[in-house]
Amino acid sequence: MIFLAINIVTHGTLNIWLNSGTTLIPSYLVFSIFRLLIGEVLVFATEIMAFTIFVKEHKERRIMIYTFVANLISLIVGGYLITALPV
């Protein structure tokens, strides 16, 4: 339940933030990538903090490593799927 709640909040917020930006050139790739990287760093940091606060089953260091690795794998797989799936 903790995993689901934290991920819904962080990734939902990231999705809203990425899709609400207005620029002079909406498809400006560099701006979009920069915005995504900032958002992902914030998601990584928020989830690491949230999981270390709410999960008490393991040591903090282990929770932080697992959270970081899970987010990194999710970022890589999600990035691949976005490029591989049809529009």
Protein backbone atom coordinates (compact mmCIF):
# COMPACT_ATOMS: atom_id res chain seq x y z
CA MET A 1 0.00 0.00 0.00
CA ILE A 2 2.87 2.36 0.80
CA PHE A 3 4.52 1.62 -2.55
CA LEU A 4 1.30 2.25 -4.47
CA ALA A 5 0.48 5.49 -2.64
CA ILE A 6 3.97 6.96 -2.98
CA ASN A 7 4.23 6.07 -6.67
CA ILE A 8 0.78 7.43 -7.52
CA VAL A 9 1.63 10.74 -5.86
CA THR A 10 5.16 11.16 -7.25
CA HIS A 11 4.55 9.94 -10.80
CA GLY A 12 1.15 11.60 -10.99
CA THR A 13 2.73 14.89 -9.98
CA LEU A 14 5.55 14.38 -12.49
CA ASN A 15 3.07 13.65 -15.27
CA ILE A 16 1.03 16.76 -14.49
CA TRP A 17 4.19 18.89 -14.29
CA LEU A 18 5.55 17.60 -17.60
CA ASN A 19 2.27 18.12 -19.43
CA SER A 20 1.40 21.54 -18.01
CA GLY A 21 4.40 23.49 -19.25
CA THR A 22 3.95 26.20 -21.79
CA THR A 23 6.78 27.42 -23.98
CA LEU A 24 7.08 29.53 -27.07
CA ILE A 25 7.89 26.36 -29.01
CA PRO A 26 5.89 23.50 -27.42
CA SER A 27 7.92 20.74 -29.05
CA TYR A 28 11.31 22.14 -28.07
CA LEU A 29 13.18 18.91 -27.32
CA VAL A 30 15.99 20.29 -25.14
CA PHE A 31 13.52 22.03 -22.84
CA SER A 32 11.45 18.85 -22.56
CA ILE A 33 14.49 16.71 -21.73
CA PHE A 34 15.73 19.26 -19.18
CA ARG A 35 12.30 19.37 -17.56
CA LEU A 36 12.13 15.55 -17.47
CA LEU A 37 15.56 15.25 -15.86
CA ILE A 38 14.68 17.77 -13.15
CA GLY A 39 11.39 15.98 -12.55
CA GLU A 40 13.05 12.58 -12.33
CA VAL A 41 15.65 13.85 -9.86
CA LEU A 42 12.81 15.21 -7.72
CA VAL A 43 10.95 11.88 -7.97
CA PHE A 44 14.09 9.93 -7.01
CA ALA A 45 14.73 12.20 -3.99
CA THR A 46 11.08 12.27 -2.87
CA GLU A 47 10.67 8.53 -3.11
CA ILE A 48 13.93 7.81 -1.31
CA MET A 49 12.87 10.10 1.55
CA ALA A 50 9.31 8.74 1.66
CA PHE A 51 10.33 5.09 1.64
CA THR A 52 12.97 5.58 4.34
CA ILE A 53 10.35 7.29 6.51
CA PHE A 54 7.46 4.87 5.98
CA VAL A 55 9.15 1.49 5.44
CA LYS A 56 10.56 0.04 8.65
CA GLU A 57 11.27 -3.53 7.53
CA HIS A 58 14.94 -3.03 6.57
CA LYS A 59 17.84 -0.70 7.28
CA GLU A 60 17.67 2.78 5.77
CA ARG A 61 20.67 2.19 3.51
CA ARG A 62 19.08 -0.89 1.96
CA ILE A 63 15.78 0.94 1.43
CA MET A 64 17.58 3.83 -0.24
CA ILE A 65 19.53 1.55 -2.59
CA TYR A 66 16.45 -0.47 -3.54
CA THR A 67 14.44 2.69 -4.17
CA PHE A 68 17.19 4.20 -6.32
CA VAL A 69 17.69 1.03 -8.37
CA ALA A 70 13.93 0.52 -8.84
CA ASN A 71 13.52 4.10 -10.06
CA LEU A 72 16.53 3.81 -12.37
CA ILE A 73 15.20 0.59 -13.94
CA SER A 74 11.75 2.17 -14.27
CA LEU A 75 13.25 5.22 -15.99
CA ILE A 76 15.25 3.10 -18.45
CA VAL A 77 12.42 0.67 -19.28
CA GLY A 78 9.87 3.49 -19.52
CA GLY A 79 12.16 5.48 -21.81
CA TYR A 80 12.63 2.46 -24.04
CA LEU A 81 8.92 1.68 -24.17
CA ILE A 82 8.05 5.26 -25.12
CA THR A 83 10.36 5.01 -28.14
CA ALA A 84 9.32 1.46 -29.07
CA LEU A 85 5.54 1.67 -28.76
CA PRO A 86 3.46 3.01 -31.66
CA VAL A 87 2.01 6.49 -31.41
